[in-house]
mmCIF file of all heavy atoms, coordinates in Angstrom:
data_MODEL
# 
_entry.id   MODEL 
# 
loop_
_atom_site.group_PDB 
_atom_site.id 
_atom_site.type_symbol 
_atom_site.label_atom_id 
_atom_site.label_alt_id 
_atom_site.label_comp_id 
_atom_site.label_asym_id 
_atom_site.label_entity_id 
_atom_site.label_seq_id 
_atom_site.pdbx_PDB_ins_code 
_atom_site.Cartn_x 
_atom_site.Cartn_y 
_atom_site.Cartn_z 
_atom_site.occupancy 
_atom_site.B_iso_or_equiv 
_atom_site.pdbx_formal_charge 
_atom_site.auth_seq_id 
_atom_site.auth_comp_id 
_atom_site.auth_asym_id 
_atom_site.auth_atom_id 
_atom_site.pdbx_PDB_model_num 
ATOM 1   N N   . LYS A 1 1  ? -10.075 -21.327 -6.915  1.00 0.00 ? 1  LYS A N   1 
ATOM 2   C CA  . LYS A 1 1  ? -9.632  -19.990 -7.241  1.00 0.00 ? 1  LYS A CA  1 
ATOM 3   C C   . LYS A 1 1  ? -9.723  -19.765 -8.748  1.00 0.00 ? 1  LYS A C   1 
ATOM 4   O O   . LYS A 1 1  ? -9.894  -20.689 -9.524  1.00 0.00 ? 1  LYS A O   1 
ATOM 5   C CB  . LYS A 1 1  ? -8.189  -19.773 -6.766  1.00 0.00 ? 1  LYS A CB  1 
ATOM 6   C CG  . LYS A 1 1  ? -7.982  -19.934 -5.290  1.00 0.00 ? 1  LYS A CG  1 
ATOM 7   C CD  . LYS A 1 1  ? -6.551  -19.656 -4.888  1.00 0.00 ? 1  LYS A CD  1 
ATOM 8   C CE  . LYS A 1 1  ? -6.319  -19.832 -3.407  1.00 0.00 ? 1  LYS A CE  1 
ATOM 9   N NZ  . LYS A 1 1  ? -4.917  -19.515 -3.006  1.00 0.00 ? 1  LYS A NZ  1 
ATOM 10  N N   . MET A 1 2  ? -9.579  -18.505 -9.130  1.00 0.00 ? 2  MET A N   1 
ATOM 11  C CA  . MET A 1 2  ? -9.572  -18.148 -10.523 1.00 0.00 ? 2  MET A CA  1 
ATOM 12  C C   . MET A 1 2  ? -8.334  -18.693 -11.213 1.00 0.00 ? 2  MET A C   1 
ATOM 13  O O   . MET A 1 2  ? -7.273  -18.812 -10.599 1.00 0.00 ? 2  MET A O   1 
ATOM 14  C CB  . MET A 1 2  ? -9.618  -16.627 -10.657 1.00 0.00 ? 2  MET A CB  1 
ATOM 15  C CG  . MET A 1 2  ? -9.843  -16.108 -12.058 1.00 0.00 ? 2  MET A CG  1 
ATOM 16  S SD  . MET A 1 2  ? -10.038 -14.306 -12.095 1.00 0.00 ? 2  MET A SD  1 
ATOM 17  C CE  . MET A 1 2  ? -11.660 -14.089 -11.390 1.00 0.00 ? 2  MET A CE  1 
ATOM 18  N N   . THR A 1 3  ? -8.459  -19.047 -12.477 1.00 0.00 ? 3  THR A N   1 
ATOM 19  C CA  . THR A 1 3  ? -7.288  -19.501 -13.243 1.00 0.00 ? 3  THR A CA  1 
ATOM 20  C C   . THR A 1 3  ? -6.482  -18.279 -13.721 1.00 0.00 ? 3  THR A C   1 
ATOM 21  O O   . THR A 1 3  ? -7.018  -17.168 -13.771 1.00 0.00 ? 3  THR A O   1 
ATOM 22  C CB  . THR A 1 3  ? -7.703  -20.317 -14.451 1.00 0.00 ? 3  THR A CB  1 
ATOM 23  O OG1 . THR A 1 3  ? -8.465  -19.486 -15.361 1.00 0.00 ? 3  THR A OG1 1 
ATOM 24  C CG2 . THR A 1 3  ? -8.532  -21.524 -14.052 1.00 0.00 ? 3  THR A CG2 1 
ATOM 25  N N   . PRO A 1 4  ? -5.221  -18.458 -14.090 1.00 0.00 ? 4  PRO A N   1 
ATOM 26  C CA  . PRO A 1 4  ? -4.448  -17.319 -14.616 1.00 0.00 ? 4  PRO A CA  1 
ATOM 27  C C   . PRO A 1 4  ? -5.096  -16.675 -15.840 1.00 0.00 ? 4  PRO A C   1 
ATOM 28  O O   . PRO A 1 4  ? -5.079  -15.442 -15.967 1.00 0.00 ? 4  PRO A O   1 
ATOM 29  C CB  . PRO A 1 4  ? -3.103  -17.952 -14.978 1.00 0.00 ? 4  PRO A CB  1 
ATOM 30  C CG  . PRO A 1 4  ? -3.008  -19.179 -14.131 1.00 0.00 ? 4  PRO A CG  1 
ATOM 31  C CD  . PRO A 1 4  ? -4.422  -19.676 -14.006 1.00 0.00 ? 4  PRO A CD  1 
ATOM 32  N N   . GLY A 1 5  ? -5.655  -17.490 -16.736 1.00 0.00 ? 5  GLY A N   1 
ATOM 33  C CA  . GLY A 1 5  ? -6.322  -16.907 -17.913 1.00 0.00 ? 5  GLY A CA  1 
ATOM 34  C C   . GLY A 1 5  ? -7.527  -16.091 -17.542 1.00 0.00 ? 5  GLY A C   1 
ATOM 35  O O   . GLY A 1 5  ? -7.746  -14.981 -18.078 1.00 0.00 ? 5  GLY A O   1 
ATOM 36  N N   . GLY A 1 6  ? -8.333  -16.589 -16.607 1.00 0.00 ? 6  GLY A N   1 
ATOM 37  C CA  . GLY A 1 6  ? -9.479  -15.812 -16.159 1.00 0.00 ? 6  GLY A CA  1 
ATOM 38  C C   . GLY A 1 6  ? -9.037  -14.517 -15.494 1.00 0.00 ? 6  GLY A C   1 
ATOM 39  O O   . GLY A 1 6  ? -9.737  -13.487 -15.654 1.00 0.00 ? 6  GLY A O   1 
ATOM 40  N N   . HIS A 1 7  ? -7.947  -14.546 -14.757 1.00 0.00 ? 7  HIS A N   1 
ATOM 41  C CA  . HIS A 1 7  ? -7.446  -13.344 -14.114 1.00 0.00 ? 7  HIS A CA  1 
ATOM 42  C C   . HIS A 1 7  ? -7.075  -12.290 -15.174 1.00 0.00 ? 7  HIS A C   1 
ATOM 43  O O   . HIS A 1 7  ? -7.432  -11.107 -15.015 1.00 0.00 ? 7  HIS A O   1 
ATOM 44  C CB  . HIS A 1 7  ? -6.230  -13.694 -13.266 1.00 0.00 ? 7  HIS A CB  1 
ATOM 45  C CG  . HIS A 1 7  ? -5.785  -12.601 -12.348 1.00 0.00 ? 7  HIS A CG  1 
ATOM 46  N ND1 . HIS A 1 7  ? -5.002  -12.829 -11.217 1.00 0.00 ? 7  HIS A ND1 1 
ATOM 47  C CD2 . HIS A 1 7  ? -5.971  -11.252 -12.366 1.00 0.00 ? 7  HIS A CD2 1 
ATOM 48  C CE1 . HIS A 1 7  ? -4.756  -11.690 -10.619 1.00 0.00 ? 7  HIS A CE1 1 
ATOM 49  N NE2 . HIS A 1 7  ? -5.316  -10.716 -11.302 1.00 0.00 ? 7  HIS A NE2 1 
ATOM 50  N N   . TRP A 1 8  ? -6.418  -12.717 -16.225 1.00 0.00 ? 8  TRP A N   1 
ATOM 51  C CA  . TRP A 1 8  ? -5.991  -11.743 -17.248 1.00 0.00 ? 8  TRP A CA  1 
ATOM 52  C C   . TRP A 1 8  ? -7.178  -11.235 -18.105 1.00 0.00 ? 8  TRP A C   1 
ATOM 53  O O   . TRP A 1 8  ? -7.163  -10.080 -18.530 1.00 0.00 ? 8  TRP A O   1 
ATOM 54  C CB  . TRP A 1 8  ? -4.865  -12.289 -18.098 1.00 0.00 ? 8  TRP A CB  1 
ATOM 55  C CG  . TRP A 1 8  ? -3.563  -11.975 -17.428 1.00 0.00 ? 8  TRP A CG  1 
ATOM 56  C CD1 . TRP A 1 8  ? -2.933  -12.723 -16.492 1.00 0.00 ? 8  TRP A CD1 1 
ATOM 57  C CD2 . TRP A 1 8  ? -2.828  -10.741 -17.538 1.00 0.00 ? 8  TRP A CD2 1 
ATOM 58  N NE1 . TRP A 1 8  ? -1.792  -12.060 -16.049 1.00 0.00 ? 8  TRP A NE1 1 
ATOM 59  C CE2 . TRP A 1 8  ? -1.736  -10.852 -16.663 1.00 0.00 ? 8  TRP A CE2 1 
ATOM 60  C CE3 . TRP A 1 8  ? -2.989  -9.606  -18.296 1.00 0.00 ? 8  TRP A CE3 1 
ATOM 61  C CZ2 . TRP A 1 8  ? -0.775  -9.826  -16.525 1.00 0.00 ? 8  TRP A CZ2 1 
ATOM 62  C CZ3 . TRP A 1 8  ? -2.033  -8.578  -18.173 1.00 0.00 ? 8  TRP A CZ3 1 
ATOM 63  C CH2 . TRP A 1 8  ? -0.969  -8.685  -17.286 1.00 0.00 ? 8  TRP A CH2 1 
ATOM 64  N N   . LEU A 1 9  ? -8.182  -12.028 -18.287 1.00 0.00 ? 9  LEU A N   1 
ATOM 65  C CA  . LEU A 1 9  ? -9.374  -11.511 -18.962 1.00 0.00 ? 9  LEU A CA  1 
ATOM 66  C C   . LEU A 1 9  ? -10.107 -10.511 -18.054 1.00 0.00 ? 9  LEU A C   1 
ATOM 67  O O   . LEU A 1 9  ? -10.693 -9.546  -18.534 1.00 0.00 ? 9  LEU A O   1 
ATOM 68  C CB  . LEU A 1 9  ? -10.308 -12.648 -19.358 1.00 0.00 ? 9  LEU A CB  1 
ATOM 69  C CG  . LEU A 1 9  ? -9.801  -13.511 -20.546 1.00 0.00 ? 9  LEU A CG  1 
ATOM 70  C CD1 . LEU A 1 9  ? -10.674 -14.731 -20.753 1.00 0.00 ? 9  LEU A CD1 1 
ATOM 71  C CD2 . LEU A 1 9  ? -9.721  -12.671 -21.832 1.00 0.00 ? 9  LEU A CD2 1 
ATOM 72  N N   . ALA A 1 10 ? -10.045 -10.746 -16.753 1.00 0.00 ? 10 ALA A N   1 
ATOM 73  C CA  . ALA A 1 10 ? -10.616 -9.763  -15.832 1.00 0.00 ? 10 ALA A CA  1 
ATOM 74  C C   . ALA A 1 10 ? -9.825  -8.456  -15.828 1.00 0.00 ? 10 ALA A C   1 
ATOM 75  O O   . ALA A 1 10 ? -10.402 -7.388  -15.685 1.00 0.00 ? 10 ALA A O   1 
ATOM 76  C CB  . ALA A 1 10 ? -10.654 -10.381 -14.404 1.00 0.00 ? 10 ALA A CB  1 
ATOM 77  N N   . ILE A 1 11 ? -8.501  -8.549  -15.964 1.00 0.00 ? 11 ILE A N   1 
ATOM 78  C CA  . ILE A 1 11 ? -7.692  -7.353  -16.106 1.00 0.00 ? 11 ILE A CA  1 
ATOM 79  C C   . ILE A 1 11 ? -8.091  -6.616  -17.368 1.00 0.00 ? 11 ILE A C   1 
ATOM 80  O O   . ILE A 1 11 ? -8.247  -5.359  -17.394 1.00 0.00 ? 11 ILE A O   1 
ATOM 81  C CB  . ILE A 1 11 ? -6.199  -7.689  -16.102 1.00 0.00 ? 11 ILE A CB  1 
ATOM 82  C CG1 . ILE A 1 11 ? -5.751  -8.107  -14.707 1.00 0.00 ? 11 ILE A CG1 1 
ATOM 83  C CG2 . ILE A 1 11 ? -5.358  -6.508  -16.607 1.00 0.00 ? 11 ILE A CG2 1 
ATOM 84  C CD1 . ILE A 1 11 ? -4.324  -8.631  -14.624 1.00 0.00 ? 11 ILE A CD1 1 
ATOM 85  N N   . ALA A 1 12 ? -8.267  -7.359  -18.463 1.00 0.00 ? 12 ALA A N   1 
ATOM 86  C CA  . ALA A 1 12 ? -8.730  -6.725  -19.703 1.00 0.00 ? 12 ALA A CA  1 
ATOM 87  C C   . ALA A 1 12 ? -10.051 -6.031  -19.503 1.00 0.00 ? 12 ALA A C   1 
ATOM 88  O O   . ALA A 1 12 ? -10.291 -4.931  -19.995 1.00 0.00 ? 12 ALA A O   1 
ATOM 89  C CB  . ALA A 1 12 ? -8.842  -7.798  -20.806 1.00 0.00 ? 12 ALA A CB  1 
ATOM 90  N N   . GLN A 1 13 ? -10.960 -6.642  -18.742 1.00 0.00 ? 13 GLN A N   1 
ATOM 91  C CA  . GLN A 1 13 ? -12.243 -6.047  -18.453 1.00 0.00 ? 13 GLN A CA  1 
ATOM 92  C C   . GLN A 1 13 ? -12.065 -4.726  -17.694 1.00 0.00 ? 13 GLN A C   1 
ATOM 93  O O   . GLN A 1 13 ? -12.689 -3.724  -18.002 1.00 0.00 ? 13 GLN A O   1 
ATOM 94  C CB  . GLN A 1 13 ? -13.123 -7.008  -17.657 1.00 0.00 ? 13 GLN A CB  1 
ATOM 95  C CG  . GLN A 1 13 ? -14.492 -6.472  -17.330 1.00 0.00 ? 13 GLN A CG  1 
ATOM 96  C CD  . GLN A 1 13 ? -15.353 -7.487  -16.620 1.00 0.00 ? 13 GLN A CD  1 
ATOM 97  O OE1 . GLN A 1 13 ? -15.858 -7.231  -15.523 1.00 0.00 ? 13 GLN A OE1 1 
ATOM 98  N NE2 . GLN A 1 13 ? -15.551 -8.641  -17.242 1.00 0.00 ? 13 GLN A NE2 1 
ATOM 99  N N   . THR A 1 14 ? -11.214 -4.763  -16.668 1.00 0.00 ? 14 THR A N   1 
ATOM 100 C CA  . THR A 1 14 ? -10.962 -3.565  -15.873 1.00 0.00 ? 14 THR A CA  1 
ATOM 101 C C   . THR A 1 14 ? -10.517 -2.381  -16.757 1.00 0.00 ? 14 THR A C   1 
ATOM 102 O O   . THR A 1 14 ? -11.036 -1.276  -16.626 1.00 0.00 ? 14 THR A O   1 
ATOM 103 C CB  . THR A 1 14 ? -9.914  -3.840  -14.814 1.00 0.00 ? 14 THR A CB  1 
ATOM 104 O OG1 . THR A 1 14 ? -10.412 -4.816  -13.877 1.00 0.00 ? 14 THR A OG1 1 
ATOM 105 C CG2 . THR A 1 14 ? -9.485  -2.590  -14.050 1.00 0.00 ? 14 THR A CG2 1 
ATOM 106 N N   . VAL A 1 15 ? -9.593  -2.661  -17.639 1.00 0.00 ? 15 VAL A N   1 
ATOM 107 C CA  . VAL A 1 15 ? -9.001  -1.554  -18.417 1.00 0.00 ? 15 VAL A CA  1 
ATOM 108 C C   . VAL A 1 15 ? -9.892  -1.148  -19.589 1.00 0.00 ? 15 VAL A C   1 
ATOM 109 O O   . VAL A 1 15 ? -9.971  0.030   -19.918 1.00 0.00 ? 15 VAL A O   1 
ATOM 110 C CB  . VAL A 1 15 ? -7.557  -1.909  -18.859 1.00 0.00 ? 15 VAL A CB  1 
ATOM 111 C CG1 . VAL A 1 15 ? -6.946  -0.769  -19.639 1.00 0.00 ? 15 VAL A CG1 1 
ATOM 112 C CG2 . VAL A 1 15 ? -6.701  -2.249  -17.651 1.00 0.00 ? 15 VAL A CG2 1 
ATOM 113 N N   . THR A 1 16 ? -10.548 -2.083  -20.241 1.00 0.00 ? 16 THR A N   1 
ATOM 114 C CA  . THR A 1 16 ? -11.468 -1.679  -21.317 1.00 0.00 ? 16 THR A CA  1 
ATOM 115 C C   . THR A 1 16 ? -12.588 -0.825  -20.753 1.00 0.00 ? 16 THR A C   1 
ATOM 116 O O   . THR A 1 16 ? -13.051 0.134   -21.385 1.00 0.00 ? 16 THR A O   1 
ATOM 117 C CB  . THR A 1 16 ? -12.055 -2.917  -22.058 1.00 0.00 ? 16 THR A CB  1 
ATOM 118 O OG1 . THR A 1 16 ? -12.688 -3.791  -21.102 1.00 0.00 ? 16 THR A OG1 1 
ATOM 119 C CG2 . THR A 1 16 ? -10.980 -3.674  -22.819 1.00 0.00 ? 16 THR A CG2 1 
ATOM 120 N N   . ARG A 1 17 ? -13.038 -1.170  -19.542 1.00 0.00 ? 17 ARG A N   1 
ATOM 121 C CA  . ARG A 1 17 ? -14.053 -0.366  -18.889 1.00 0.00 ? 17 ARG A CA  1 
ATOM 122 C C   . ARG A 1 17 ? -13.508 1.025   -18.521 1.00 0.00 ? 17 ARG A C   1 
ATOM 123 O O   . ARG A 1 17 ? -14.135 2.052   -18.737 1.00 0.00 ? 17 ARG A O   1 
ATOM 124 C CB  . ARG A 1 17 ? -14.574 -1.056  -17.639 1.00 0.00 ? 17 ARG A CB  1 
ATOM 125 C CG  . ARG A 1 17 ? -15.606 -0.298  -16.849 1.00 0.00 ? 17 ARG A CG  1 
ATOM 126 C CD  . ARG A 1 17 ? -15.956 -1.063  -15.583 1.00 0.00 ? 17 ARG A CD  1 
ATOM 127 N NE  . ARG A 1 17 ? -16.722 -2.239  -15.883 1.00 0.00 ? 17 ARG A NE  1 
ATOM 128 C CZ  . ARG A 1 17 ? -16.557 -3.405  -15.271 1.00 0.00 ? 17 ARG A CZ  1 
ATOM 129 N NH1 . ARG A 1 17 ? -15.614 -3.553  -14.375 1.00 0.00 ? 17 ARG A NH1 1 
ATOM 130 N NH2 . ARG A 1 17 ? -17.325 -4.447  -15.565 1.00 0.00 ? 17 ARG A NH2 1 
ATOM 131 N N   . GLN A 1 18 ? -12.312 1.031   -17.965 1.00 0.00 ? 18 GLN A N   1 
ATOM 132 C CA  . GLN A 1 18 ? -11.667 2.266   -17.583 1.00 0.00 ? 18 GLN A CA  1 
ATOM 133 C C   . GLN A 1 18 ? -11.434 3.208   -18.754 1.00 0.00 ? 18 GLN A C   1 
ATOM 134 O O   . GLN A 1 18 ? -11.633 4.422   -18.667 1.00 0.00 ? 18 GLN A O   1 
ATOM 135 C CB  . GLN A 1 18 ? -10.310 1.948   -16.920 1.00 0.00 ? 18 GLN A CB  1 
ATOM 136 C CG  . GLN A 1 18 ? -9.450  3.119   -16.545 1.00 0.00 ? 18 GLN A CG  1 
ATOM 137 C CD  . GLN A 1 18 ? -8.117  2.655   -15.964 1.00 0.00 ? 18 GLN A CD  1 
ATOM 138 O OE1 . GLN A 1 18 ? -8.110  1.928   -14.964 1.00 0.00 ? 18 GLN A OE1 1 
ATOM 139 N NE2 . GLN A 1 18 ? -7.006  3.010   -16.584 1.00 0.00 ? 18 GLN A NE2 1 
ATOM 140 N N   . ARG A 1 19 ? -11.077 2.627   -19.905 1.00 0.00 ? 19 ARG A N   1 
ATOM 141 C CA  . ARG A 1 19 ? -10.799 3.429   -21.117 1.00 0.00 ? 19 ARG A CA  1 
ATOM 142 C C   . ARG A 1 19 ? -12.084 3.693   -21.936 1.00 0.00 ? 19 ARG A C   1 
ATOM 143 O O   . ARG A 1 19 ? -12.010 4.299   -23.016 1.00 0.00 ? 19 ARG A O   1 
ATOM 144 C CB  . ARG A 1 19 ? -9.786  2.704   -21.992 1.00 0.00 ? 19 ARG A CB  1 
ATOM 145 C CG  . ARG A 1 19 ? -8.514  2.334   -21.283 1.00 0.00 ? 19 ARG A CG  1 
ATOM 146 C CD  . ARG A 1 19 ? -7.683  3.520   -20.867 1.00 0.00 ? 19 ARG A CD  1 
ATOM 147 N NE  . ARG A 1 19 ? -7.085  4.224   -22.004 1.00 0.00 ? 19 ARG A NE  1 
ATOM 148 C CZ  . ARG A 1 19 ? -6.267  5.261   -21.914 1.00 0.00 ? 19 ARG A CZ  1 
ATOM 149 N NH1 . ARG A 1 19 ? -6.009  5.754   -20.692 1.00 0.00 ? 19 ARG A NH1 1 
ATOM 150 N NH2 . ARG A 1 19 ? -5.757  5.809   -22.979 1.00 0.00 ? 19 ARG A NH2 1 
ATOM 151 N N   . LYS A 1 20 ? -13.217 3.187   -21.442 1.00 0.00 ? 20 LYS A N   1 
ATOM 152 C CA  . LYS A 1 20 ? -14.500 3.407   -22.097 1.00 0.00 ? 20 LYS A CA  1 
ATOM 153 C C   . LYS A 1 20 ? -14.514 2.890   -23.548 1.00 0.00 ? 20 LYS A C   1 
ATOM 154 O O   . LYS A 1 20 ? -15.035 3.553   -24.465 1.00 0.00 ? 20 LYS A O   1 
ATOM 155 C CB  . LYS A 1 20 ? -14.919 4.870   -22.055 1.00 0.00 ? 20 LYS A CB  1 
ATOM 156 C CG  . LYS A 1 20 ? -15.199 5.361   -20.636 1.00 0.00 ? 20 LYS A CG  1 
ATOM 157 C CD  . LYS A 1 20 ? -15.595 6.831   -20.641 1.00 0.00 ? 20 LYS A CD  1 
ATOM 158 C CE  . LYS A 1 20 ? -16.110 7.272   -19.276 1.00 0.00 ? 20 LYS A CE  1 
ATOM 159 N NZ  . LYS A 1 20 ? -15.147 7.060   -18.176 1.00 0.00 ? 20 LYS A NZ  1 
ATOM 160 N N   . LEU A 1 21 ? -13.945 1.716   -23.749 1.00 0.00 ? 21 LEU A N   1 
ATOM 161 C CA  . LEU A 1 21 ? -13.944 1.120   -25.082 1.00 0.00 ? 21 LEU A CA  1 
ATOM 162 C C   . LEU A 1 21 ? -15.371 0.635   -25.404 1.00 0.00 ? 21 LEU A C   1 
ATOM 163 O O   . LEU A 1 21 ? -16.118 0.225   -24.514 1.00 0.00 ? 21 LEU A O   1 
ATOM 164 C CB  . LEU A 1 21 ? -12.980 -0.064  -25.175 1.00 0.00 ? 21 LEU A CB  1 
ATOM 165 C CG  . LEU A 1 21 ? -11.490 0.259   -24.913 1.00 0.00 ? 21 LEU A CG  1 
ATOM 166 C CD1 . LEU A 1 21 ? -10.640 -0.956  -25.282 1.00 0.00 ? 21 LEU A CD1 1 
ATOM 167 C CD2 . LEU A 1 21 ? -11.030 1.494   -25.680 1.00 0.00 ? 21 LEU A CD2 1 
ATOM 168 N N   . ASN A 1 22 ? -15.738 0.687   -26.687 1.00 0.00 ? 22 ASN A N   1 
ATOM 169 C CA  . ASN A 1 22 ? -17.061 0.224   -27.075 1.00 0.00 ? 22 ASN A CA  1 
ATOM 170 C C   . ASN A 1 22 ? -17.092 -1.298  -27.079 1.00 0.00 ? 22 ASN A C   1 
ATOM 171 O O   . ASN A 1 22 ? -16.100 -1.971  -26.855 1.00 0.00 ? 22 ASN A O   1 
ATOM 172 C CB  . ASN A 1 22 ? -17.486 0.845   -28.414 1.00 0.00 ? 22 ASN A CB  1 
ATOM 173 C CG  . ASN A 1 22 ? -16.604 0.416   -29.570 1.00 0.00 ? 22 ASN A CG  1 
ATOM 174 O OD1 . ASN A 1 22 ? -16.060 -0.693  -29.588 1.00 0.00 ? 22 ASN A OD1 1 
ATOM 175 N ND2 . ASN A 1 22 ? -16.420 1.284   -30.550 1.00 0.00 ? 22 ASN A ND2 1 
ATOM 176 N N   . MET A 1 23 ? -18.275 -1.839  -27.380 1.00 0.00 ? 23 MET A N   1 
ATOM 177 C CA  . MET A 1 23 ? -18.422 -3.291  -27.308 1.00 0.00 ? 23 MET A CA  1 
ATOM 178 C C   . MET A 1 23 ? -17.547 -4.015  -28.292 1.00 0.00 ? 23 MET A C   1 
ATOM 179 O O   . MET A 1 23 ? -16.918 -5.046  -27.963 1.00 0.00 ? 23 MET A O   1 
ATOM 180 C CB  . MET A 1 23 ? -19.883 -3.682  -27.525 1.00 0.00 ? 23 MET A CB  1 
ATOM 181 C CG  . MET A 1 23 ? -20.144 -5.185  -27.374 1.00 0.00 ? 23 MET A CG  1 
ATOM 182 S SD  . MET A 1 23 ? -21.901 -5.584  -27.428 1.00 0.00 ? 23 MET A SD  1 
ATOM 183 C CE  . MET A 1 23 ? -21.822 -7.380  -27.348 1.00 0.00 ? 23 MET A CE  1 
ATOM 184 N N   . MET A 1 24 ? -17.432 -3.510  -29.517 1.00 0.00 ? 24 MET A N   1 
ATOM 185 C CA  . MET A 1 24 ? -16.620 -4.156  -30.515 1.00 0.00 ? 24 MET A CA  1 
ATOM 186 C C   . MET A 1 24 ? -15.133 -4.187  -30.082 1.00 0.00 ? 24 MET A C   1 
ATOM 187 O O   . MET A 1 24 ? -14.470 -5.238  -30.183 1.00 0.00 ? 24 MET A O   1 
ATOM 188 C CB  . MET A 1 24 ? -16.750 -3.451  -31.865 1.00 0.00 ? 24 MET A CB  1 
ATOM 189 C CG  . MET A 1 24 ? -16.159 -4.196  -33.043 1.00 0.00 ? 24 MET A CG  1 
ATOM 190 S SD  . MET A 1 24 ? -17.110 -5.623  -33.570 1.00 0.00 ? 24 MET A SD  1 
ATOM 191 C CE  . MET A 1 24 ? -15.949 -6.940  -33.333 1.00 0.00 ? 24 MET A CE  1 
# 
């Protein structure tokens, strides 16, 4: 299974994508 750290980086991915943040 995914580790807790990997899970939270995936959450970060979900929200940065949702908020349309740029690459930087």
